[in-house]
């Protein structure tokens, strides 16, 4: 079991360098909302329509989003958003609040499949 610790740490470091520093082609570098659809801009310039998975978590200071592209069911992108209230966040407080309210309340009800 102790032999897996270095492998796990190496994998975590690799994911941080690719997605955490926003330098990888699949890193989500921007989110936008237009006509009741959420769009993610990736590091390679591609813009995808995405939806938040039920496993996403939010509170007043942090949002841990798991985004799935609408056109694919196999790929998912993880996004961490921090409100800029007391600590240095990556999103202004008013935009964070607007996104959080839209994710919780503002979307039209999705038809059940």
PDB file of N, CA and C in Angstrom:
ATOM      1  N   UNK A   1       0.820  -1.185   0.000  1.00  0.00           N
ATOM      2  CA  UNK A   1       0.000   0.000   0.000  1.00  0.00           C
ATOM      3  C   UNK A   1       0.870   1.257   0.000  1.00  0.00           C
ATOM      4  N   UNK A   2       1.977   1.223   0.742  1.00  0.00           N
ATOM      5  CA  UNK A   2       2.861   2.399   0.778  1.00  0.00           C
ATOM      6  C   UNK A   2       3.536   2.635  -0.578  1.00  0.00           C
ATOM      7  N   UNK A   3       3.634   1.604  -1.371  1.00  0.00           N
ATOM      8  CA  UNK A   3       4.232   1.745  -2.688  1.00  0.00           C
ATOM      9  C   UNK A   3       3.368   2.567  -3.646  1.00  0.00           C
ATOM     10  N   UNK A   4       2.071   2.656  -3.372  1.00  0.00           N
ATOM     11  CA  UNK A   4       1.171   3.422  -4.228  1.00  0.00           C
ATOM     12  C   UNK A   4       1.172   4.916  -3.919  1.00  0.00           C
ATOM     13  N   UNK A   5       1.696   5.312  -2.770  1.00  0.00           N
ATOM     14  CA  UNK A   5       1.710   6.720  -2.379  1.00  0.00           C
ATOM     15  C   UNK A   5       2.512   7.575  -3.369  1.00  0.00           C
ATOM     16  N   UNK A   6       3.728   7.198  -3.756  1.00  0.00           N
ATOM     17  CA  UNK A   6       4.447   8.019  -4.739  1.00  0.00           C
ATOM     18  C   UNK A   6       3.727   8.113  -6.080  1.00  0.00           C
ATOM     19  N   UNK A   7       3.112   7.037  -6.504  1.00  0.00           N
ATOM     20  CA  UNK A   7       2.367   7.040  -7.755  1.00  0.00           C
ATOM     21  C   UNK A   7       1.156   7.973  -7.673  1.00  0.00           C
ATOM     22  N   UNK A   8       0.475   7.938  -6.551  1.00  0.00           N
ATOM     23  CA  UNK A   8      -0.673   8.823  -6.346  1.00  0.00           C
ATOM     24  C   UNK A   8      -0.247  10.278  -6.311  1.00  0.00           C
ATOM     25  N   UNK A   9       0.828  10.576  -5.617  1.00  0.00           N
ATOM     26  CA  UNK A   9       1.329  11.951  -5.560  1.00  0.00           C
ATOM     27  C   UNK A   9       1.789  12.441  -6.929  1.00  0.00           C
ATOM     28  N   UNK A  10       2.415  11.577  -7.708  1.00  0.00           N
ATOM     29  CA  UNK A  10       2.844  11.958  -9.058  1.00  0.00           C
ATOM     30  C   UNK A  10       1.632  12.258  -9.937  1.00  0.00           C
ATOM     31  N   UNK A  11       0.588  11.457  -9.829  1.00  0.00           N
ATOM     32  CA  UNK A  11      -0.635  11.704 -10.591  1.00  0.00           C
ATOM     33  C   UNK A  11      -1.315  13.001 -10.180  1.00  0.00           C
ATOM     34  N   UNK A  12      -1.341  13.273  -8.877  1.00  0.00           N
ATOM     35  CA  UNK A  12      -1.937  14.520  -8.387  1.00  0.00           C
ATOM     36  C   UNK A  12      -1.145  15.723  -8.869  1.00  0.00           C
ATOM     37  N   UNK A  13       0.174  15.639  -8.847  1.00  0.00           N
ATOM     38  CA  UNK A  13       1.018  16.734  -9.323  1.00  0.00           C
ATOM     39  C   UNK A  13       0.812  16.968 -10.819  1.00  0.00           C
ATOM     40  N   UNK A  14       0.720  15.894 -11.581  1.00  0.00           N
ATOM     41  CA  UNK A  14       0.477  16.009 -13.016  1.00  0.00           C
ATOM     42  C   UNK A  14      -0.858  16.702 -13.284  1.00  0.00           C
ATOM     43  N   UNK A  15      -1.919  16.291 -12.592  1.00  0.00           N
ATOM     44  CA  UNK A  15      -3.234  16.908 -12.784  1.00  0.00           C
ATOM     45  C   UNK A  15      -3.230  18.375 -12.364  1.00  0.00           C
ATOM     46  N   UNK A  16      -2.521  18.701 -11.296  1.00  0.00           N
ATOM     47  CA  UNK A  16      -2.427  20.099 -10.867  1.00  0.00           C
ATOM     48  C   UNK A  16      -1.721  20.945 -11.920  1.00  0.00           C
ATOM     49  N   UNK A  17      -0.631  20.428 -12.474  1.00  0.00           N
ATOM     50  CA  UNK A  17       0.112  21.205 -13.480  1.00  0.00           C
ATOM     51  C   UNK A  17      -0.713  21.399 -14.742  1.00  0.00           C
ATOM     52  N   UNK A  18      -1.499  20.405 -15.151  1.00  0.00           N
ATOM     53  CA  UNK A  18      -2.289  20.503 -16.378  1.00  0.00           C
ATOM     54  C   UNK A  18      -3.561  21.311 -16.160  1.00  0.00           C
ATOM     55  N   UNK A  19      -4.347  20.958 -15.145  1.00  0.00           N
ATOM     56  CA  UNK A  19      -5.649  21.604 -14.939  1.00  0.00           C
ATOM     57  C   UNK A  19      -5.617  22.718 -13.904  1.00  0.00           C
ATOM     58  N   UNK A  20      -4.870  22.553 -12.845  1.00  0.00           N
ATOM     59  CA  UNK A  20      -4.842  23.557 -11.785  1.00  0.00           C
ATOM     60  C   UNK A  20      -4.177  24.848 -12.201  1.00  0.00           C
ATOM     61  N   UNK A  21      -3.148  24.760 -13.016  1.00  0.00           N
ATOM     62  CA  UNK A  21      -2.467  25.966 -13.497  1.00  0.00           C
ATOM     63  C   UNK A  21      -3.066  26.484 -14.803  1.00  0.00           C
ATOM     64  N   UNK A  22      -4.109  25.800 -15.289  1.00  0.00           N
ATOM     65  CA  UNK A  22      -4.850  26.201 -16.485  1.00  0.00           C
ATOM     66  C   UNK A  22      -3.981  26.281 -17.738  1.00  0.00           C
ATOM     67  N   UNK A  23      -3.015  25.380 -17.867  1.00  0.00           N
ATOM     68  CA  UNK A  23      -2.150  25.373 -19.043  1.00  0.00           C
ATOM     69  C   UNK A  23      -2.444  24.204 -19.980  1.00  0.00           C
ATOM     70  N   UNK A  24      -3.246  23.269 -19.570  1.00  0.00           N
ATOM     71  CA  UNK A  24      -3.543  22.118 -20.413  1.00  0.00           C
ATOM     72  C   UNK A  24      -4.620  22.427 -21.440  1.00  0.00           C
ATOM     73  N   UNK A  25      -4.639  21.661 -22.502  1.00  0.00           N
ATOM     74  CA  UNK A  25      -5.630  21.858 -23.557  1.00  0.00           C
ATOM     75  C   UNK A  25      -7.043  21.563 -23.067  1.00  0.00           C
ATOM     76  N   UNK A  26      -7.190  20.697 -22.065  1.00  0.00           N
ATOM     77  CA  UNK A  26      -8.517  20.352 -21.561  1.00  0.00           C
ATOM     78  C   UNK A  26      -8.884  21.095 -20.279  1.00  0.00           C
ATOM     79  N   UNK A  27      -8.089  22.074 -19.874  1.00  0.00           N
ATOM     80  CA  UNK A  27      -8.401  22.852 -18.674  1.00  0.00           C
ATOM     81  C   UNK A  27      -9.499  23.857 -18.990  1.00  0.00           C
ATOM     82  N   UNK A  28     -10.459  23.991 -18.096  1.00  0.00           N
ATOM     83  CA  UNK A  28     -11.534  24.965 -18.264  1.00  0.00           C
ATOM     84  C   UNK A  28     -10.997  26.319 -17.820  1.00  0.00           C
ATOM     85  N   UNK A  29     -10.892  27.259 -18.763  1.00  0.00           N
ATOM     86  CA  UNK A  29     -10.335  28.578 -18.464  1.00  0.00           C
ATOM     87  C   UNK A  29     -11.407  29.658 -18.411  1.00  0.00           C
ATOM     88  N   UNK A  30     -12.639  29.321 -18.754  1.00  0.00           N
ATOM     89  CA  UNK A  30     -13.707  30.308 -18.692  1.00  0.00           C
ATOM     90  C   UNK A  30     -15.071  29.655 -18.748  1.00  0.00           C
ATOM     91  N   UNK A  31     -16.035  30.300 -18.088  1.00  0.00           N
ATOM     92  CA  UNK A  31     -17.422  29.860 -18.129  1.00  0.00           C
ATOM     93  C   UNK A  31     -18.282  31.041 -18.554  1.00  0.00           C
ATOM     94  N   UNK A  32     -19.295  30.765 -19.343  1.00  0.00           N
ATOM     95  CA  UNK A  32     -20.246  31.804 -19.716  1.00  0.00           C
ATOM     96  C   UNK A  32     -21.624  31.180 -19.823  1.00  0.00           C
ATOM     97  N   UNK A  33     -22.638  32.026 -19.703  1.00  0.00           N
ATOM     98  CA  UNK A  33     -24.010  31.567 -19.762  1.00  0.00           C
ATOM     99  C   UNK A  33     -24.731  32.398 -20.804  1.00  0.00           C
ATOM    100  N   UNK A  34     -25.450  31.733 -21.711  1.00  0.00           N
ATOM    101  CA  UNK A  34     -26.188  32.430 -22.752  1.00  0.00           C
ATOM    102  C   UNK A  34     -27.445  31.632 -23.076  1.00  0.00           C
ATOM    103  N   UNK A  35     -28.587  32.268 -23.024  1.00  0.00           N
ATOM    104  CA  UNK A  35     -29.866  31.656 -23.360  1.00  0.00           C
ATOM    105  C   UNK A  35     -30.078  30.335 -22.636  1.00  0.00           C
ATOM    106  N   UNK A  36     -29.914  30.362 -21.349  1.00  0.00           N
ATOM    107  CA  UNK A  36     -30.180  29.221 -20.472  1.00  0.00           C
ATOM    108  C   UNK A  36     -29.253  28.029 -20.725  1.00  0.00           C
ATOM    109  N   UNK A  37     -28.080  28.265 -21.301  1.00  0.00           N
ATOM    110  CA  UNK A  37     -27.083  27.227 -21.530  1.00  0.00           C
ATOM    111  C   UNK A  37     -25.747  27.692 -20.975  1.00  0.00           C
ATOM    112  N   UNK A  38     -25.048  26.799 -20.298  1.00  0.00           N
ATOM    113  CA  UNK A  38     -23.731  27.089 -19.752  1.00  0.00           C
ATOM    114  C   UNK A  38     -22.677  26.617 -20.751  1.00  0.00           C
ATOM    115  N   UNK A  39     -21.685  27.478 -21.012  1.00  0.00           N
ATOM    116  CA  UNK A  39     -20.617  27.162 -21.946  1.00  0.00           C
ATOM    117  C   UNK A  39     -19.277  27.202 -21.217  1.00  0.00           C
ATOM    118  N   UNK A  40     -18.408  26.240 -21.534  1.00  0.00           N
ATOM    119  CA  UNK A  40     -17.060  26.193 -20.972  1.00  0.00           C
ATOM    120  C   UNK A  40     -16.060  26.447 -22.090  1.00  0.00           C
ATOM    121  N   UNK A  41     -15.108  27.354 -21.835  1.00  0.00           N
ATOM    122  CA  UNK A  41     -14.024  27.622 -22.786  1.00  0.00           C
ATOM    123  C   UNK A  41     -12.801  26.855 -22.296  1.00  0.00           C
ATOM    124  N   UNK A  42     -12.252  26.007 -23.143  1.00  0.00           N
ATOM    125  CA  UNK A  42     -11.115  25.170 -22.773  1.00  0.00           C
ATOM    126  C   UNK A  42      -9.807  25.852 -23.134  1.00  0.00           C
ATOM    127  N   UNK A  43      -8.709  25.319 -22.632  1.00  0.00           N
ATOM    128  CA  UNK A  43      -7.386  25.876 -22.871  1.00  0.00           C
ATOM    129  C   UNK A  43      -6.971  25.861 -24.329  1.00  0.00           C
ATOM    130  N   UNK A  44      -7.546  24.994 -25.132  1.00  0.00           N
ATOM    131  CA  UNK A  44      -7.214  24.945 -26.558  1.00  0.00           C
ATOM    132  C   UNK A  44      -8.092  25.869 -27.391  1.00  0.00           C
ATOM    133  N   UNK A  45      -8.956  26.672 -26.751  1.00  0.00           N
ATOM    134  CA  UNK A  45      -9.810  27.616 -27.450  1.00  0.00           C
ATOM    135  C   UNK A  45     -11.182  27.087 -27.803  1.00  0.00           C
ATOM    136  N   UNK A  46     -11.428  25.830 -27.596  1.00  0.00           N
ATOM    137  CA  UNK A  46     -12.709  25.213 -27.915  1.00  0.00           C
ATOM    138  C   UNK A  46     -13.768  25.655 -26.898  1.00  0.00           C
ATOM    139  N   UNK A  47     -14.991  25.896 -27.361  1.00  0.00           N
ATOM    140  CA  UNK A  47     -16.106  26.270 -26.499  1.00  0.00           C
ATOM    141  C   UNK A  47     -17.146  25.163 -26.578  1.00  0.00           C
ATOM    142  N   UNK A  48     -17.524  24.621 -25.413  1.00  0.00           N
ATOM    143  CA  UNK A  48     -18.464  23.509 -25.345  1.00  0.00           C
ATOM    144  C   UNK A  48     -19.669  23.882 -24.506  1.00  0.00           C
ATOM    145  N   UNK A  49     -20.845  23.448 -24.933  1.00  0.00           N
ATOM    146  CA  UNK A  49     -22.033  23.553 -24.093  1.00  0.00           C
ATOM    147  C   UNK A  49     -21.934  22.458 -23.040  1.00  0.00           C
ATOM    148  N   UNK A  50     -22.068  22.830 -21.764  1.00  0.00           N
ATOM    149  CA  UNK A  50     -21.907  21.877 -20.671  1.00  0.00           C
ATOM    150  C   UNK A  50     -23.098  21.979 -19.728  1.00  0.00           C
ATOM    151  N   UNK A  51     -23.248  20.968 -18.899  1.00  0.00           N
ATOM    152  CA  UNK A  51     -24.236  20.990 -17.829  1.00  0.00           C
ATOM    153  C   UNK A  51     -23.561  20.506 -16.555  1.00  0.00           C
ATOM    154  N   UNK A  52     -23.996  21.043 -15.442  1.00  0.00           N
ATOM    155  CA  UNK A  52     -23.430  20.659 -14.150  1.00  0.00           C
ATOM    156  C   UNK A  52     -24.020  19.331 -13.708  1.00  0.00           C
ATOM    157  N   UNK A  53     -23.165  18.424 -13.283  1.00  0.00           N
ATOM    158  CA  UNK A  53     -23.595  17.118 -12.796  1.00  0.00           C
ATOM    159  C   UNK A  53     -24.201  17.254 -11.408  1.00  0.00           C
ATOM    160  N   UNK A  54     -25.049  16.326 -11.014  1.00  0.00           N
ATOM    161  CA  UNK A  54     -25.611  16.355  -9.661  1.00  0.00           C
ATOM    162  C   UNK A  54     -24.549  16.204  -8.570  1.00  0.00           C
ATOM    163  N   UNK A  55     -23.376  15.700  -8.910  1.00  0.00           N
ATOM    164  CA  UNK A  55     -22.322  15.541  -7.910  1.00  0.00           C
ATOM    165  C   UNK A  55     -21.582  16.845  -7.628  1.00  0.00           C
ATOM    166  N   UNK A  56     -21.932  17.935  -8.318  1.00  0.00           N
ATOM    167  CA  UNK A  56     -21.324  19.241  -8.052  1.00  0.00           C
ATOM    168  C   UNK A  56     -21.763  19.731  -6.680  1.00  0.00           C
ATOM    169  N   UNK A  57     -20.880  20.467  -6.007  1.00  0.00           N
ATOM    170  CA  UNK A  57     -21.167  20.985  -4.672  1.00  0.00           C
ATOM    171  C   UNK A  57     -20.923  22.482  -4.634  1.00  0.00           C
ATOM    172  N   UNK A  58     -21.800  23.206  -3.903  1.00  0.00           N
ATOM    173  CA  UNK A  58     -21.669  24.660  -3.800  1.00  0.00           C
ATOM    174  C   UNK A  58     -22.030  25.111  -2.399  1.00  0.00           C
ATOM    175  N   UNK A  59     -21.361  26.178  -1.974  1.00  0.00           N
ATOM    176  CA  UNK A  59     -21.799  26.920  -0.804  1.00  0.00           C
ATOM    177  C   UNK A  59     -21.510  28.390  -1.072  1.00  0.00           C
ATOM    178  N   UNK A  60     -21.557  29.231  -0.062  1.00  0.00           N
ATOM    179  CA  UNK A  60     -21.433  30.674  -0.289  1.00  0.00           C
ATOM    180  C   UNK A  60     -20.027  31.120  -0.654  1.00  0.00           C
ATOM    181  N   UNK A  61     -19.014  30.303  -0.447  1.00  0.00           N
ATOM    182  CA  UNK A  61     -17.635  30.704  -0.703  1.00  0.00           C
ATOM    183  C   UNK A  61     -16.930  29.902  -1.795  1.00  0.00           C
ATOM    184  N   UNK A  62     -17.388  28.671  -2.036  1.00  0.00           N
ATOM    185  CA  UNK A  62     -16.694  27.787  -2.974  1.00  0.00           C
ATOM    186  C   UNK A  62     -17.711  26.980  -3.780  1.00  0.00           C
ATOM    187  N   UNK A  63     -17.366  26.722  -5.026  1.00  0.00           N
ATOM    188  CA  UNK A  63     -18.173  25.853  -5.885  1.00  0.00           C
ATOM    189  C   UNK A  63     -17.241  24.820  -6.510  1.00  0.00           C
ATOM    190  N   UNK A  64     -17.557  23.568  -6.299  1.00  0.00           N
ATOM    191  CA  UNK A  64     -16.827  22.454  -6.900  1.00  0.00           C
ATOM    192  C   UNK A  64     -17.743  21.868  -7.965  1.00  0.00           C
ATOM    193  N   UNK A  65     -17.476  22.212  -9.209  1.00  0.00           N
ATOM    194  CA  UNK A  65     -18.356  21.816 -10.301  1.00  0.00           C
ATOM    195  C   UNK A  65     -17.762  20.683 -11.107  1.00  0.00           C
ATOM    196  N   UNK A  66     -18.596  19.742 -11.441  1.00  0.00           N
ATOM    197  CA  UNK A  66     -18.240  18.698 -12.394  1.00  0.00           C
ATOM    198  C   UNK A  66     -19.120  18.953 -13.604  1.00  0.00           C
ATOM    199  N   UNK A  67     -18.502  19.332 -14.712  1.00  0.00           N
ATOM    200  CA  UNK A  67     -19.216  19.727 -15.913  1.00  0.00           C
ATOM    201  C   UNK A  67     -19.114  18.637 -16.970  1.00  0.00           C
ATOM    202  N   UNK A  68     -20.257  18.273 -17.525  1.00  0.00           N
ATOM    203  CA  UNK A  68     -20.290  17.282 -18.603  1.00  0.00           C
ATOM    204  C   UNK A  68     -20.743  17.972 -19.870  1.00  0.00           C
ATOM    205  N   UNK A  69     -20.024  17.761 -20.972  1.00  0.00           N
ATOM    206  CA  UNK A  69     -20.478  18.323 -22.247  1.00  0.00           C
ATOM    207  C   UNK A  69     -21.841  17.751 -22.632  1.00  0.00           C
ATOM    208  N   UNK A  70     -22.672  18.589 -23.212  1.00  0.00           N
ATOM    209  CA  UNK A  70     -23.999  18.151 -23.617  1.00  0.00           C
ATOM    210  C   UNK A  70     -23.904  17.096 -24.714  1.00  0.00           C
ATOM    211  N   UNK A  71     -22.925  17.222 -25.597  1.00  0.00           N
ATOM    212  CA  UNK A  71     -22.800  16.323 -26.744  1.00  0.00           C
ATOM    213  C   UNK A  71     -22.098  15.003 -26.424  1.00  0.00           C
ATOM    214  N   UNK A  72     -21.509  14.848 -25.242  1.00  0.00           N
ATOM    215  CA  UNK A  72     -20.762  13.636 -24.914  1.00  0.00           C
ATOM    216  C   UNK A  72     -21.125  13.183 -23.506  1.00  0.00           C
ATOM    217  N   UNK A  73     -21.119  11.887 -23.299  1.00  0.00           N
ATOM    218  CA  UNK A  73     -21.398  11.398 -21.952  1.00  0.00           C
ATOM    219  C   UNK A  73     -20.182  10.778 -21.284  1.00  0.00           C
ATOM    220  N   UNK A  74     -19.036  10.797 -21.949  1.00  0.00           N
ATOM    221  CA  UNK A  74     -17.858  10.146 -21.402  1.00  0.00           C
ATOM    222  C   UNK A  74     -16.853  11.107 -20.793  1.00  0.00           C
ATOM    223  N   UNK A  75     -16.858  12.353 -21.211  1.00  0.00           N
ATOM    224  CA  UNK A  75     -15.878  13.318 -20.729  1.00  0.00           C
ATOM    225  C   UNK A  75     -16.506  14.193 -19.657  1.00  0.00           C
ATOM    226  N   UNK A  76     -15.740  14.519 -18.618  1.00  0.00           N
ATOM    227  CA  UNK A  76     -16.199  15.448 -17.581  1.00  0.00           C
ATOM    228  C   UNK A  76     -15.037  16.351 -17.203  1.00  0.00           C
ATOM    229  N   UNK A  77     -15.359  17.584 -16.875  1.00  0.00           N
ATOM    230  CA  UNK A  77     -14.360  18.571 -16.494  1.00  0.00           C
ATOM    231  C   UNK A  77     -14.649  19.029 -15.075  1.00  0.00           C
ATOM    232  N   UNK A  78     -13.616  19.119 -14.260  1.00  0.00           N
ATOM    233  CA  UNK A  78     -13.765  19.607 -12.889  1.00  0.00           C
ATOM    234  C   UNK A  78     -13.325  21.059 -12.821  1.00  0.00           C
ATOM    235  N   UNK A  79     -14.100  21.859 -12.089  1.00  0.00           N
ATOM    236  CA  UNK A  79     -13.828  23.287 -11.952  1.00  0.00           C
ATOM    237  C   UNK A  79     -13.986  23.660 -10.482  1.00  0.00           C
ATOM    238  N   UNK A  80     -13.036  24.425  -9.956  1.00  0.00           N
ATOM    239  CA  UNK A  80     -13.103  24.948  -8.598  1.00  0.00           C
ATOM    240  C   UNK A  80     -13.205  26.463  -8.698  1.00  0.00           C
ATOM    241  N   UNK A  81     -14.288  27.016  -8.166  1.00  0.00           N
ATOM    242  CA  UNK A  81     -14.501  28.458  -8.166  1.00  0.00           C
ATOM    243  C   UNK A  81     -14.510  28.957  -6.730  1.00  0.00           C
ATOM    244  N   UNK A  82     -13.757  30.021  -6.470  1.00  0.00           N
ATOM    245  CA  UNK A  82     -13.683  30.615  -5.141  1.00  0.00           C
ATOM    246  C   UNK A  82     -14.189  32.039  -5.209  1.00  0.00           C
ATOM    247  N   UNK A  83     -15.054  32.382  -4.270  1.00  0.00           N
ATOM    248  CA  UNK A  83     -15.551  33.751  -4.181  1.00  0.00           C
ATOM    249  C   UNK A  83     -14.475  34.650  -3.599  1.00  0.00           C
ATOM    250  N   UNK A  84     -14.376  35.855  -4.114  1.00  0.00           N
ATOM    251  CA  UNK A  84     -13.360  36.807  -3.653  1.00  0.00           C
ATOM    252  C   UNK A  84     -13.919  37.680  -2.538  1.00  0.00           C
ATOM    253  N   UNK A  85     -14.312  37.071  -1.417  1.00  0.00           N
ATOM    254  CA  UNK A  85     -14.835  37.855  -0.301  1.00  0.00           C
ATOM    255  C   UNK A  85     -13.720  38.230   0.662  1.00  0.00           C
ATOM    256  N   UNK A  86     -13.179  37.281   1.370  1.00  0.00           N
ATOM    257  CA  UNK A  86     -12.104  37.566   2.332  1.00  0.00           C
ATOM    258  C   UNK A  86     -10.746  37.100   1.853  1.00  0.00           C
ATOM    259  N   UNK A  87     -10.737  36.049   1.070  1.00  0.00           N
ATOM    260  CA  UNK A  87      -9.475  35.545   0.531  1.00  0.00           C
ATOM    261  C   UNK A  87      -9.426  35.864  -0.954  1.00  0.00           C
ATOM    262  N   UNK A  88      -8.282  35.732  -1.530  1.00  0.00           N
ATOM    263  CA  UNK A  88      -8.150  35.994  -2.960  1.00  0.00           C
ATOM    264  C   UNK A  88      -8.802  34.853  -3.735  1.00  0.00           C
ATOM    265  N   UNK A  89      -9.936  35.115  -4.317  1.00  0.00           N
ATOM    266  CA  UNK A  89     -10.650  34.106  -5.085  1.00  0.00           C
ATOM    267  C   UNK A  89     -10.348  34.243  -6.566  1.00  0.00           C
ATOM    268  N   UNK A  90     -10.946  33.384  -7.352  1.00  0.00           N
ATOM    269  CA  UNK A  90     -10.745  33.441  -8.788  1.00  0.00           C
ATOM    270  C   UNK A  90     -11.968  33.972  -9.520  1.00  0.00           C
ATOM    271  N   UNK A  91     -12.938  34.503  -8.774  1.00  0.00           N
ATOM    272  CA  UNK A  91     -14.153  35.036  -9.365  1.00  0.00           C
ATOM    273  C   UNK A  91     -14.681  36.150  -8.473  1.00  0.00           C
ATOM    274  N   UNK A  92     -15.030  37.317  -9.043  1.00  0.00           N
ATOM    275  CA  UNK A  92     -15.605  38.387  -8.224  1.00  0.00           C
ATOM    276  C   UNK A  92     -16.884  37.919  -7.536  1.00  0.00           C
ATOM    277  N   UNK A  93     -17.146  38.469  -6.363  1.00  0.00           N
ATOM    278  CA  UNK A  93     -18.250  38.005  -5.527  1.00  0.00           C
ATOM    279  C   UNK A  93     -19.602  38.102  -6.229  1.00  0.00           C
ATOM    280  N   UNK A  94     -19.872  39.198  -6.950  1.00  0.00           N
ATOM    281  CA  UNK A  94     -21.172  39.336  -7.600  1.00  0.00           C
ATOM    282  C   UNK A  94     -21.355  38.329  -8.738  1.00  0.00           C
ATOM    283  N   UNK A  95     -20.308  38.049  -9.492  1.00  0.00           N
ATOM    284  CA  UNK A  95     -20.402  37.042 -10.558  1.00  0.00           C
ATOM    285  C   UNK A  95     -20.547  35.641  -9.973  1.00  0.00           C
ATOM    286  N   UNK A  96     -19.848  35.385  -8.871  1.00  0.00           N
ATOM    287  CA  UNK A  96     -19.963  34.091  -8.199  1.00  0.00           C
ATOM    288  C   UNK A  96     -21.389  33.883  -7.713  1.00  0.00           C
ATOM    289  N   UNK A  97     -21.981  34.899  -7.102  1.00  0.00           N
ATOM    290  CA  UNK A  97     -23.346  34.804  -6.594  1.00  0.00           C
ATOM    291  C   UNK A  97     -24.329  34.602  -7.741  1.00  0.00           C
ATOM    292  N   UNK A  98     -24.134  35.326  -8.848  1.00  0.00           N
ATOM    293  CA  UNK A  98     -25.017  35.196 -10.005  1.00  0.00           C
ATOM    294  C   UNK A  98     -24.952  33.781 -10.589  1.00  0.00           C
ATOM    295  N   UNK A  99     -23.746  33.232 -10.735  1.00  0.00           N
ATOM    296  CA  UNK A  99     -23.591  31.874 -11.251  1.00  0.00           C
ATOM    297  C   UNK A  99     -24.209  30.856 -10.305  1.00  0.00           C
ATOM    298  N   UNK A 100     -23.977  31.026  -9.024  1.00  0.00           N
ATOM    299  CA  UNK A 100     -24.528  30.096  -8.035  1.00  0.00           C
ATOM    300  C   UNK A 100     -26.057  30.112  -8.053  1.00  0.00           C
ATOM    301  N   UNK A 101     -26.643  31.281  -8.126  1.00  0.00           N
ATOM    302  CA  UNK A 101     -28.109  31.381  -8.174  1.00  0.00           C
ATOM    303  C   UNK A 101     -28.644  30.795  -9.480  1.00  0.00           C
ATOM    304  N   UNK A 102     -27.945  31.032 -10.589  1.00  0.00           N
ATOM    305  CA  UNK A 102     -28.401  30.469 -11.857  1.00  0.00           C
ATOM    306  C   UNK A 102     -28.340  28.945 -11.815  1.00  0.00           C
ATOM    307  N   UNK A 103     -27.269  28.397 -11.253  1.00  0.00           N
ATOM    308  CA  UNK A 103     -27.152  26.942 -11.176  1.00  0.00           C
ATOM    309  C   UNK A 103     -28.216  26.338 -10.268  1.00  0.00           C
ATOM    310  N   UNK A 104     -28.569  27.025  -9.189  1.00  0.00           N
ATOM    311  CA  UNK A 104     -29.549  26.476  -8.250  1.00  0.00           C
ATOM    312  C   UNK A 104     -30.983  26.730  -8.668  1.00  0.00           C
ATOM    313  N   UNK A 105     -31.278  27.940  -9.127  1.00  0.00           N
ATOM    314  CA  UNK A 105     -32.669  28.324  -9.319  1.00  0.00           C
ATOM    315  C   UNK A 105     -33.046  28.721 -10.731  1.00  0.00           C
ATOM    316  N   UNK A 106     -32.117  29.304 -11.472  1.00  0.00           N
ATOM    317  CA  UNK A 106     -32.468  29.986 -12.695  1.00  0.00           C
ATOM    318  C   UNK A 106     -32.665  29.144 -13.925  1.00  0.00           C
ATOM    319  N   UNK A 107     -32.190  27.919 -13.919  1.00  0.00           N
ATOM    320  CA  UNK A 107     -32.316  27.102 -15.118  1.00  0.00           C
ATOM    321  C   UNK A 107     -33.749  26.618 -15.288  1.00  0.00           C
ATOM    322  N   UNK A 108     -34.151  26.495 -16.529  1.00  0.00           N
ATOM    323  CA  UNK A 108     -35.457  25.897 -16.805  1.00  0.00           C
ATOM    324  C   UNK A 108     -35.383  24.430 -16.436  1.00  0.00           C
ATOM    325  N   UNK A 109     -36.487  23.867 -16.046  1.00  0.00           N
ATOM    326  CA  UNK A 109     -36.501  22.461 -15.662  1.00  0.00           C
ATOM    327  C   UNK A 109     -36.211  21.594 -16.865  1.00  0.00           C
ATOM    328  N   UNK A 110     -35.271  20.681 -16.699  1.00  0.00           N
ATOM    329  CA  UNK A 110     -34.884  19.772 -17.782  1.00  0.00           C
ATOM    330  C   UNK A 110     -35.948  18.673 -17.893  1.00  0.00           C
ATOM    331  N   UNK A 111     -36.355  18.333 -19.121  1.00  0.00           N
ATOM    332  CA  UNK A 111     -37.310  17.237 -19.265  1.00  0.00           C
ATOM    333  C   UNK A 111     -36.663  15.924 -18.845  1.00  0.00           C
ATOM    334  N   UNK A 112     -37.410  15.099 -18.139  1.00  0.00           N
ATOM    335  CA  UNK A 112     -36.845  13.821 -17.694  1.00  0.00           C
ATOM    336  C   UNK A 112     -36.786  12.863 -18.868  1.00  0.00           C
ATOM    337  N   UNK A 113     -35.703  12.089 -18.878  1.00  0.00           N
ATOM    338  CA  UNK A 113     -35.460  11.149 -19.989  1.00  0.00           C
ATOM    339  C   UNK A 113     -35.737   9.751 -19.556  1.00  0.00           C
TER     340      UNK A 113
END
